[in-house]
Amino acid sequence: MARNHRIEPVTVEIMEWDGSRQSIDALCWWVNTQWAEWHPGEDPLLTFEFTGADDVNRPRFAQPDGDFENVQVGDWFVSDGEEVLLVRPTWRDPGT
């Protein structure tokens, strides 16, 4: 579930990926629905592959330059109502 946070002077919505299929499904819906509103007809920003009902393989987020960033457990997505960004916490152990 997205939460609102006030960062002067903008309120943003944030969601974290916890590694679960339910979480990535919710994130894909949230991120890609907003993106489709802002950029009709363009490819989705957030994608993943799966083989079973609970699988999550290769979650990827499209960067503004066209490259894809692999999404890791604990990554956050931030929306200000105009764009969605992938944010990787700096306090997380880089090996995870």
PDB file of N, CA and C in Angstrom:
ATOM      1  N   MET A   1       0.848  -1.180   0.000  1.00  0.00           N
ATOM      2  CA  MET A   1       0.000   0.000   0.000  1.00  0.00           C
ATOM      3  C   MET A   1       0.887   1.235   0.000  1.00  0.00           C
ATOM      4  N   ALA A   2       0.575   2.181  -0.860  1.00  0.00           N
ATOM      5  CA  ALA A   2       1.334   3.426  -0.940  1.00  0.00           C
ATOM      6  C   ALA A   2       1.042   4.301   0.266  1.00  0.00           C
ATOM      7  N   ARG A   3       2.066   4.978   0.739  1.00  0.00           N
ATOM      8  CA  ARG A   3       1.908   5.901   1.866  1.00  0.00           C
ATOM      9  C   ARG A   3       2.276   7.297   1.399  1.00  0.00           C
ATOM     10  N   ASN A   4       1.634   8.308   1.958  1.00  0.00           N
ATOM     11  CA  ASN A   4       1.940   9.703   1.641  1.00  0.00           C
ATOM     12  C   ASN A   4       2.984  10.243   2.602  1.00  0.00           C
ATOM     13  N   HIS A   5       3.936  10.970   2.054  1.00  0.00           N
ATOM     14  CA  HIS A   5       4.954  11.636   2.857  1.00  0.00           C
ATOM     15  C   HIS A   5       5.088  13.058   2.344  1.00  0.00           C
ATOM     16  N   ARG A   6       5.185  14.013   3.245  1.00  0.00           N
ATOM     17  CA  ARG A   6       5.315  15.411   2.859  1.00  0.00           C
ATOM     18  C   ARG A   6       6.792  15.780   2.854  1.00  0.00           C
ATOM     19  N   ILE A   7       7.300  16.121   1.686  1.00  0.00           N
ATOM     20  CA  ILE A   7       8.663  16.604   1.526  1.00  0.00           C
ATOM     21  C   ILE A   7       8.521  17.986   0.922  1.00  0.00           C
ATOM     22  N   GLU A   8       8.812  18.999   1.703  1.00  0.00           N
ATOM     23  CA  GLU A   8       8.569  20.381   1.273  1.00  0.00           C
ATOM     24  C   GLU A   8       9.118  20.636  -0.113  1.00  0.00           C
ATOM     25  N   PRO A   9       8.416  21.210  -0.983  1.00  0.00           N
ATOM     26  CA  PRO A   9       7.006  21.578  -0.913  1.00  0.00           C
ATOM     27  C   PRO A   9       6.101  20.561  -1.608  1.00  0.00           C
ATOM     28  N   VAL A  10       6.540  19.293  -1.750  1.00  0.00           N
ATOM     29  CA  VAL A  10       5.808  18.292  -2.523  1.00  0.00           C
ATOM     30  C   VAL A  10       5.417  17.120  -1.635  1.00  0.00           C
ATOM     31  N   THR A  11       4.214  16.609  -1.836  1.00  0.00           N
ATOM     32  CA  THR A  11       3.803  15.368  -1.202  1.00  0.00           C
ATOM     33  C   THR A  11       4.044  14.243  -2.194  1.00  0.00           C
ATOM     34  N   VAL A  12       4.730  13.204  -1.757  1.00  0.00           N
ATOM     35  CA  VAL A  12       5.032  12.072  -2.619  1.00  0.00           C
ATOM     36  C   VAL A  12       4.382  10.814  -2.067  1.00  0.00           C
ATOM     37  N   GLU A  13       4.162   9.852  -2.945  1.00  0.00           N
ATOM     38  CA  GLU A  13       3.718   8.528  -2.537  1.00  0.00           C
ATOM     39  C   GLU A  13       4.904   7.592  -2.671  1.00  0.00           C
ATOM     40  N   ILE A  14       5.028   6.659  -1.736  1.00  0.00           N
ATOM     41  CA  ILE A  14       6.143   5.720  -1.770  1.00  0.00           C
ATOM     42  C   ILE A  14       5.632   4.298  -1.541  1.00  0.00           C
ATOM     43  N   MET A  15       6.293   3.353  -2.171  1.00  0.00           N
ATOM     44  CA  MET A  15       6.027   1.932  -1.953  1.00  0.00           C
ATOM     45  C   MET A  15       7.355   1.193  -1.961  1.00  0.00           C
ATOM     46  N   GLU A  16       7.456   0.185  -1.100  1.00  0.00           N
ATOM     47  CA  GLU A  16       8.670  -0.621  -1.017  1.00  0.00           C
ATOM     48  C   GLU A  16       8.380  -2.022  -1.544  1.00  0.00           C
ATOM     49  N   TRP A  17       9.361  -2.616  -2.254  1.00  0.00           N
ATOM     50  CA  TRP A  17       9.224  -4.006  -2.656  1.00  0.00           C
ATOM     51  C   TRP A  17       9.805  -4.880  -1.566  1.00  0.00           C
ATOM     52  N   ASP A  18       8.983  -5.761  -1.012  1.00  0.00           N
ATOM     53  CA  ASP A  18       9.412  -6.632   0.085  1.00  0.00           C
ATOM     54  C   ASP A  18       9.888  -8.005  -0.398  1.00  0.00           C
ATOM     55  N   GLY A  19       9.917  -8.206  -1.720  1.00  0.00           N
ATOM     56  CA  GLY A  19      10.384  -9.469  -2.274  1.00  0.00           C
ATOM     57  C   GLY A  19       9.275 -10.445  -2.627  1.00  0.00           C
ATOM     58  N   SER A  20       8.057 -10.143  -2.224  1.00  0.00           N
ATOM     59  CA  SER A  20       6.951 -11.078  -2.465  1.00  0.00           C
ATOM     60  C   SER A  20       6.280 -10.835  -3.814  1.00  0.00           C
ATOM     61  N   ARG A  21       5.591 -11.849  -4.287  1.00  0.00           N
ATOM     62  CA  ARG A  21       4.820 -11.722  -5.530  1.00  0.00           C
ATOM     63  C   ARG A  21       3.678 -10.728  -5.342  1.00  0.00           C
ATOM     64  N   GLN A  22       3.008 -10.779  -4.194  1.00  0.00           N
ATOM     65  CA  GLN A  22       1.912  -9.844  -3.917  1.00  0.00           C
ATOM     66  C   GLN A  22       2.414  -8.400  -3.965  1.00  0.00           C
ATOM     67  N   SER A  23       3.578  -8.160  -3.416  1.00  0.00           N
ATOM     68  CA  SER A  23       4.151  -6.817  -3.391  1.00  0.00           C
ATOM     69  C   SER A  23       4.515  -6.337  -4.800  1.00  0.00           C
ATOM     70  N   ILE A  24       5.131  -7.205  -5.623  1.00  0.00           N
ATOM     71  CA  ILE A  24       5.519  -6.776  -6.973  1.00  0.00           C
ATOM     72  C   ILE A  24       4.288  -6.586  -7.845  1.00  0.00           C
ATOM     73  N   ASP A  25       3.253  -7.398  -7.637  1.00  0.00           N
ATOM     74  CA  ASP A  25       1.999  -7.199  -8.376  1.00  0.00           C
ATOM     75  C   ASP A  25       1.409  -5.830  -8.060  1.00  0.00           C
ATOM     76  N   ALA A  26       1.378  -5.476  -6.768  1.00  0.00           N
ATOM     77  CA  ALA A  26       0.829  -4.177  -6.356  1.00  0.00           C
ATOM     78  C   ALA A  26       1.685  -3.034  -6.905  1.00  0.00           C
ATOM     79  N   LEU A  27       3.006  -3.198  -6.849  1.00  0.00           N
ATOM     80  CA  LEU A  27       3.906  -2.167  -7.378  1.00  0.00           C
ATOM     81  C   LEU A  27       3.736  -1.989  -8.879  1.00  0.00           C
ATOM     82  N   CYS A  28       3.661  -3.091  -9.610  1.00  0.00           N
ATOM     83  CA  CYS A  28       3.484  -3.001 -11.065  1.00  0.00           C
ATOM     84  C   CYS A  28       2.191  -2.273 -11.394  1.00  0.00           C
ATOM     85  N   TRP A  29       1.114  -2.606 -10.699  1.00  0.00           N
ATOM     86  CA  TRP A  29      -0.155  -1.927 -10.956  1.00  0.00           C
ATOM     87  C   TRP A  29      -0.018  -0.434 -10.658  1.00  0.00           C
ATOM     88  N   TRP A  30       0.548  -0.099  -9.497  1.00  0.00           N
ATOM     89  CA  TRP A  30       0.659   1.296  -9.060  1.00  0.00           C
ATOM     90  C   TRP A  30       1.560   2.102  -9.999  1.00  0.00           C
ATOM     91  N   VAL A  31       2.755   1.598 -10.275  1.00  0.00           N
ATOM     92  CA  VAL A  31       3.717   2.306 -11.118  1.00  0.00           C
ATOM     93  C   VAL A  31       3.207   2.417 -12.553  1.00  0.00           C
ATOM     94  N   ASN A  32       2.777   1.305 -13.117  1.00  0.00           N
ATOM     95  CA  ASN A  32       2.426   1.283 -14.535  1.00  0.00           C
ATOM     96  C   ASN A  32       1.099   1.980 -14.829  1.00  0.00           C
ATOM     97  N   THR A  33       0.167   1.996 -13.875  1.00  0.00           N
ATOM     98  CA  THR A  33      -1.088   2.728 -14.061  1.00  0.00           C
ATOM     99  C   THR A  33      -0.810   4.226 -14.130  1.00  0.00           C
ATOM    100  N   GLN A  34       0.023   4.721 -13.234  1.00  0.00           N
ATOM    101  CA  GLN A  34       0.390   6.140 -13.272  1.00  0.00           C
ATOM    102  C   GLN A  34       1.118   6.477 -14.568  1.00  0.00           C
ATOM    103  N   TRP A  35       2.084   5.633 -14.942  1.00  0.00           N
ATOM    104  CA  TRP A  35       2.861   5.869 -16.153  1.00  0.00           C
ATOM    105  C   TRP A  35       1.949   5.924 -17.376  1.00  0.00           C
ATOM    106  N   ALA A  36       0.968   5.010 -17.453  1.00  0.00           N
ATOM    107  CA  ALA A  36       0.050   4.972 -18.597  1.00  0.00           C
ATOM    108  C   ALA A  36      -0.800   6.237 -18.666  1.00  0.00           C
ATOM    109  N   GLU A  37      -1.140   6.807 -17.517  1.00  0.00           N
ATOM    110  CA  GLU A  37      -1.897   8.068 -17.501  1.00  0.00           C
ATOM    111  C   GLU A  37      -1.045   9.212 -18.050  1.00  0.00           C
ATOM    112  N   TRP A  38       0.229   9.235 -17.673  1.00  0.00           N
ATOM    113  CA  TRP A  38       1.115  10.332 -18.065  1.00  0.00           C
ATOM    114  C   TRP A  38       1.659  10.157 -19.478  1.00  0.00           C
ATOM    115  N   HIS A  39       1.819   8.908 -19.916  1.00  0.00           N
ATOM    116  CA  HIS A  39       2.445   8.609 -21.211  1.00  0.00           C
ATOM    117  C   HIS A  39       1.663   7.497 -21.914  1.00  0.00           C
ATOM    118  N   PRO A  40       0.457   7.805 -22.397  1.00  0.00           N
ATOM    119  CA  PRO A  40      -0.363   6.775 -23.042  1.00  0.00           C
ATOM    120  C   PRO A  40       0.370   6.109 -24.206  1.00  0.00           C
ATOM    121  N   GLY A  41       0.236   4.797 -24.282  1.00  0.00           N
ATOM    122  CA  GLY A  41       0.800   4.045 -25.392  1.00  0.00           C
ATOM    123  C   GLY A  41       2.249   3.625 -25.225  1.00  0.00           C
ATOM    124  N   GLU A  42       2.919   4.092 -24.171  1.00  0.00           N
ATOM    125  CA  GLU A  42       4.317   3.709 -23.966  1.00  0.00           C
ATOM    126  C   GLU A  42       4.398   2.413 -23.157  1.00  0.00           C
ATOM    127  N   ASP A  43       5.529   1.730 -23.266  1.00  0.00           N
ATOM    128  CA  ASP A  43       5.743   0.481 -22.540  1.00  0.00           C
ATOM    129  C   ASP A  43       5.738   0.725 -21.034  1.00  0.00           C
ATOM    130  N   PRO A  44       5.366  -0.298 -20.246  1.00  0.00           N
ATOM    131  CA  PRO A  44       5.374  -0.145 -18.785  1.00  0.00           C
ATOM    132  C   PRO A  44       6.787   0.087 -18.250  1.00  0.00           C
ATOM    133  N   LEU A  45       6.866   0.757 -17.101  1.00  0.00           N
ATOM    134  CA  LEU A  45       8.162   1.016 -16.462  1.00  0.00           C
ATOM    135  C   LEU A  45       8.672  -0.174 -15.670  1.00  0.00           C
ATOM    136  N   LEU A  46       7.770  -0.879 -14.994  1.00  0.00           N
ATOM    137  CA  LEU A  46       8.156  -1.944 -14.071  1.00  0.00           C
ATOM    138  C   LEU A  46       7.641  -3.274 -14.603  1.00  0.00           C
ATOM    139  N   THR A  47       8.550  -4.235 -14.766  1.00  0.00           N
ATOM    140  CA  THR A  47       8.179  -5.552 -15.274  1.00  0.00           C
ATOM    141  C   THR A  47       8.889  -6.629 -14.464  1.00  0.00           C
ATOM    142  N   PHE A  48       8.376  -7.861 -14.571  1.00  0.00           N
ATOM    143  CA  PHE A  48       9.052  -9.011 -13.975  1.00  0.00           C
ATOM    144  C   PHE A  48       8.600 -10.259 -14.712  1.00  0.00           C
ATOM    145  N   GLU A  49       9.332 -11.339 -14.524  1.00  0.00           N
ATOM    146  CA  GLU A  49       9.002 -12.622 -15.117  1.00  0.00           C
ATOM    147  C   GLU A  49       8.586 -13.580 -14.004  1.00  0.00           C
ATOM    148  N   PHE A  50       7.805 -14.603 -14.369  1.00  0.00           N
ATOM    149  CA  PHE A  50       7.409 -15.607 -13.386  1.00  0.00           C
ATOM    150  C   PHE A  50       7.115 -16.918 -14.092  1.00  0.00           C
ATOM    151  N   THR A  51       7.227 -18.024 -13.342  1.00  0.00           N
ATOM    152  CA  THR A  51       6.878 -19.335 -13.864  1.00  0.00           C
ATOM    153  C   THR A  51       5.745 -19.964 -13.080  1.00  0.00           C
ATOM    154  N   GLY A  52       5.530 -19.519 -11.852  1.00  0.00           N
ATOM    155  CA  GLY A  52       4.448 -20.032 -11.020  1.00  0.00           C
ATOM    156  C   GLY A  52       3.731 -18.887 -10.339  1.00  0.00           C
ATOM    157  N   ALA A  53       2.691 -19.221  -9.590  1.00  0.00           N
ATOM    158  CA  ALA A  53       1.829 -18.209  -8.972  1.00  0.00           C
ATOM    159  C   ALA A  53       2.565 -17.318  -7.965  1.00  0.00           C
ATOM    160  N   ASP A  54       3.616 -17.829  -7.320  1.00  0.00           N
ATOM    161  CA  ASP A  54       4.312 -17.052  -6.295  1.00  0.00           C
ATOM    162  C   ASP A  54       5.710 -16.610  -6.719  1.00  0.00           C
ATOM    163  N   ASP A  55       6.101 -16.927  -7.942  1.00  0.00           N
ATOM    164  CA  ASP A  55       7.455 -16.610  -8.405  1.00  0.00           C
ATOM    165  C   ASP A  55       7.598 -15.139  -8.792  1.00  0.00           C
ATOM    166  N   VAL A  56       8.786 -14.609  -8.569  1.00  0.00           N
ATOM    167  CA  VAL A  56       9.174 -13.283  -9.064  1.00  0.00           C
ATOM    168  C   VAL A  56      10.608 -13.413  -9.558  1.00  0.00           C
ATOM    169  N   ASN A  57      10.787 -13.277 -10.862  1.00  0.00           N
ATOM    170  CA  ASN A  57      12.119 -13.376 -11.458  1.00  0.00           C
ATOM    171  C   ASN A  57      12.417 -12.116 -12.253  1.00  0.00           C
ATOM    172  N   ARG A  58      13.615 -11.631 -12.109  1.00  0.00           N
ATOM    173  CA  ARG A  58      14.121 -10.498 -12.894  1.00  0.00           C
ATOM    174  C   ARG A  58      13.211  -9.270 -12.891  1.00  0.00           C
ATOM    175  N   PRO A  59      12.833  -8.765 -11.717  1.00  0.00           N
ATOM    176  CA  PRO A  59      12.083  -7.503 -11.733  1.00  0.00           C
ATOM    177  C   PRO A  59      12.993  -6.385 -12.232  1.00  0.00           C
ATOM    178  N   ARG A  60      12.476  -5.591 -13.176  1.00  0.00           N
ATOM    179  CA  ARG A  60      13.286  -4.538 -13.784  1.00  0.00           C
ATOM    180  C   ARG A  60      12.468  -3.264 -13.908  1.00  0.00           C
ATOM    181  N   PHE A  61      13.178  -2.138 -13.776  1.00  0.00           N
ATOM    182  CA  PHE A  61      12.562  -0.818 -13.854  1.00  0.00           C
ATOM    183  C   PHE A  61      13.252  -0.025 -14.949  1.00  0.00           C
ATOM    184  N   ALA A  62      12.477   0.542 -15.870  1.00  0.00           N
ATOM    185  CA  ALA A  62      13.039   1.318 -16.983  1.00  0.00           C
ATOM    186  C   ALA A  62      13.510   2.675 -16.486  1.00  0.00           C
ATOM    187  N   GLN A  63      14.754   2.997 -16.762  1.00  0.00           N
ATOM    188  CA  GLN A  63      15.338   4.280 -16.396  1.00  0.00           C
ATOM    189  C   GLN A  63      15.049   5.313 -17.490  1.00  0.00           C
ATOM    190  N   PRO A  64      15.125   6.608 -17.172  1.00  0.00           N
ATOM    191  CA  PRO A  64      14.867   7.644 -18.180  1.00  0.00           C
ATOM    192  C   PRO A  64      15.763   7.546 -19.418  1.00  0.00           C
ATOM    193  N   ASP A  65      16.975   6.999 -19.261  1.00  0.00           N
ATOM    194  CA  ASP A  65      17.890   6.894 -20.405  1.00  0.00           C
ATOM    195  C   ASP A  65      17.613   5.665 -21.266  1.00  0.00           C
ATOM    196  N   GLY A  66      16.617   4.861 -20.884  1.00  0.00           N
ATOM    197  CA  GLY A  66      16.252   3.684 -21.663  1.00  0.00           C
ATOM    198  C   GLY A  66      16.844   2.393 -21.141  1.00  0.00           C
ATOM    199  N   ASP A  67      17.824   2.495 -20.248  1.00  0.00           N
ATOM    200  CA  ASP A  67      18.390   1.289 -19.641  1.00  0.00           C
ATOM    201  C   ASP A  67      17.444   0.758 -18.572  1.00  0.00           C
ATOM    202  N   PHE A  68      17.639  -0.513 -18.201  1.00  0.00           N
ATOM    203  CA  PHE A  68      16.841  -1.114 -17.142  1.00  0.00           C
ATOM    204  C   PHE A  68      17.694  -1.319 -15.903  1.00  0.00           C
ATOM    205  N   GLU A  69      17.095  -1.062 -14.763  1.00  0.00           N
ATOM    206  CA  GLU A  69      17.738  -1.285 -13.466  1.00  0.00           C
ATOM    207  C   GLU A  69      17.077  -2.504 -12.834  1.00  0.00           C
ATOM    208  N   ASN A  70      17.887  -3.472 -12.365  1.00  0.00           N
ATOM    209  CA  ASN A  70      17.334  -4.608 -11.658  1.00  0.00           C
ATOM    210  C   ASN A  70      16.808  -4.143 -10.309  1.00  0.00           C
ATOM    211  N   VAL A  71      15.596  -4.551  -9.983  1.00  0.00           N
ATOM    212  CA  VAL A  71      14.968  -4.176  -8.716  1.00  0.00           C
ATOM    213  C   VAL A  71      15.385  -5.187  -7.655  1.00  0.00           C
ATOM    214  N   GLN A  72      15.761  -4.687  -6.486  1.00  0.00           N
ATOM    215  CA  GLN A  72      16.193  -5.535  -5.387  1.00  0.00           C
ATOM    216  C   GLN A  72      15.211  -5.418  -4.229  1.00  0.00           C
ATOM    217  N   VAL A  73      15.135  -6.477  -3.437  1.00  0.00           N
ATOM    218  CA  VAL A  73      14.294  -6.451  -2.241  1.00  0.00           C
ATOM    219  C   VAL A  73      14.721  -5.265  -1.384  1.00  0.00           C
ATOM    220  N   GLY A  74      13.744  -4.475  -0.937  1.00  0.00           N
ATOM    221  CA  GLY A  74      14.032  -3.304  -0.122  1.00  0.00           C
ATOM    222  C   GLY A  74      14.109  -2.014  -0.906  1.00  0.00           C
ATOM    223  N   ASP A  75      14.062  -2.085  -2.247  1.00  0.00           N
ATOM    224  CA  ASP A  75      14.037  -0.868  -3.055  1.00  0.00           C
ATOM    225  C   ASP A  75      12.694  -0.170  -2.892  1.00  0.00           C
ATOM    226  N   TRP A  76      12.728   1.143  -3.001  1.00  0.00           N
ATOM    227  CA  TRP A  76      11.522   1.967  -2.880  1.00  0.00           C
ATOM    228  C   TRP A  76      11.209   2.611  -4.217  1.00  0.00           C
ATOM    229  N   PHE A  77       9.928   2.812  -4.460  1.00  0.00           N
ATOM    230  CA  PHE A  77       9.459   3.559  -5.622  1.00  0.00           C
ATOM    231  C   PHE A  77       8.778   4.810  -5.102  1.00  0.00           C
ATOM    232  N   VAL A  78       9.118   5.945  -5.689  1.00  0.00           N
ATOM    233  CA  VAL A  78       8.621   7.245  -5.239  1.00  0.00           C
ATOM    234  C   VAL A  78       7.906   7.920  -6.403  1.00  0.00           C
ATOM    235  N   SER A  79       6.685   8.392  -6.151  1.00  0.00           N
ATOM    236  CA  SER A  79       5.920   9.114  -7.164  1.00  0.00           C
ATOM    237  C   SER A  79       5.536  10.480  -6.625  1.00  0.00           C
ATOM    238  N   ASP A  80       5.792  11.523  -7.444  1.00  0.00           N
ATOM    239  CA  ASP A  80       5.385  12.877  -7.067  1.00  0.00           C
ATOM    240  C   ASP A  80       4.172  13.338  -7.863  1.00  0.00           C
ATOM    241  N   GLY A  81       3.531  12.402  -8.575  1.00  0.00           N
ATOM    242  CA  GLY A  81       2.375  12.742  -9.382  1.00  0.00           C
ATOM    243  C   GLY A  81       2.728  13.112 -10.808  1.00  0.00           C
ATOM    244  N   GLU A  82       4.022  13.162 -11.113  1.00  0.00           N
ATOM    245  CA  GLU A  82       4.478  13.455 -12.470  1.00  0.00           C
ATOM    246  C   GLU A  82       5.465  12.426 -12.985  1.00  0.00           C
ATOM    247  N   GLU A  83       6.201  11.800 -12.083  1.00  0.00           N
ATOM    248  CA  GLU A  83       7.133  10.755 -12.466  1.00  0.00           C
ATOM    249  C   GLU A  83       7.307   9.775 -11.315  1.00  0.00           C
ATOM    250  N   VAL A  84       7.794   8.591 -11.649  1.00  0.00           N
ATOM    251  CA  VAL A  84       8.079   7.561 -10.649  1.00  0.00           C
ATOM    252  C   VAL A  84       9.570   7.273 -10.709  1.00  0.00           C
ATOM    253  N   LEU A  85      10.189   7.214  -9.544  1.00  0.00           N
ATOM    254  CA  LEU A  85      11.625   6.952  -9.452  1.00  0.00           C
ATOM    255  C   LEU A  85      11.877   5.715  -8.609  1.00  0.00           C
ATOM    256  N   LEU A  86      12.925   4.989  -8.943  1.00  0.00           N
ATOM    257  CA  LEU A  86      13.411   3.875  -8.137  1.00  0.00           C
ATOM    258  C   LEU A  86      14.460   4.435  -7.187  1.00  0.00           C
ATOM    259  N   VAL A  87      14.318   4.166  -5.905  1.00  0.00           N
ATOM    260  CA  VAL A  87      15.256   4.665  -4.900  1.00  0.00           C
ATOM    261  C   VAL A  87      15.808   3.471  -4.135  1.00  0.00           C
ATOM    262  N   ARG A  88      17.127   3.374  -4.121  1.00  0.00           N
ATOM    263  CA  ARG A  88      17.790   2.296  -3.392  1.00  0.00           C
ATOM    264  C   ARG A  88      18.349   2.890  -2.101  1.00  0.00           C
ATOM    265  N   PRO A  89      17.879   2.412  -0.958  1.00  0.00           N
ATOM    266  CA  PRO A  89      18.358   2.974   0.320  1.00  0.00           C
ATOM    267  C   PRO A  89      19.874   2.839   0.468  1.00  0.00           C
ATOM    268  N   THR A  90      20.508   3.899   0.908  1.00  0.00           N
ATOM    269  CA  THR A  90      21.961   3.884   1.077  1.00  0.00           C
ATOM    270  C   THR A  90      22.377   3.148   2.350  1.00  0.00           C
ATOM    271  N   TRP A  91      21.441   2.933   3.266  1.00  0.00           N
ATOM    272  CA  TRP A  91      21.795   2.271   4.524  1.00  0.00           C
ATOM    273  C   TRP A  91      21.805   0.759   4.384  1.00  0.00           C
ATOM    274  N   ARG A  92      21.335   0.239   3.231  1.00  0.00           N
ATOM    275  CA  ARG A  92      21.265  -1.202   3.041  1.00  0.00           C
ATOM    276  C   ARG A  92      22.647  -1.746   2.712  1.00  0.00           C
ATOM    277  N   ASP A  93      22.935  -2.953   3.194  1.00  0.00           N
ATOM    278  CA  ASP A  93      24.177  -3.631   2.885  1.00  0.00           C
ATOM    279  C   ASP A  93      24.240  -3.871   1.365  1.00  0.00           C
ATOM    280  N   PRO A  94      25.284  -3.401   0.669  1.00  0.00           N
ATOM    281  CA  PRO A  94      25.353  -3.545  -0.781  1.00  0.00           C
ATOM    282  C   PRO A  94      25.353  -4.984  -1.245  1.00  0.00           C
ATOM    283  N   GLY A  95      25.659  -5.922  -0.370  1.00  0.00           N
ATOM    284  CA  GLY A  95      25.655  -7.335  -0.747  1.00  0.00           C
ATOM    285  C   GLY A  95      24.285  -7.969  -0.756  1.00  0.00           C
ATOM    286  N   THR A  96      23.248  -7.217  -0.359  1.00  0.00           N
ATOM    287  CA  THR A  96      21.899  -7.804  -0.315  1.00  0.00           C
ATOM    288  C   THR A  96      21.064  -7.326  -1.463  1.00  0.00           C
TER     289      THR A  96
END
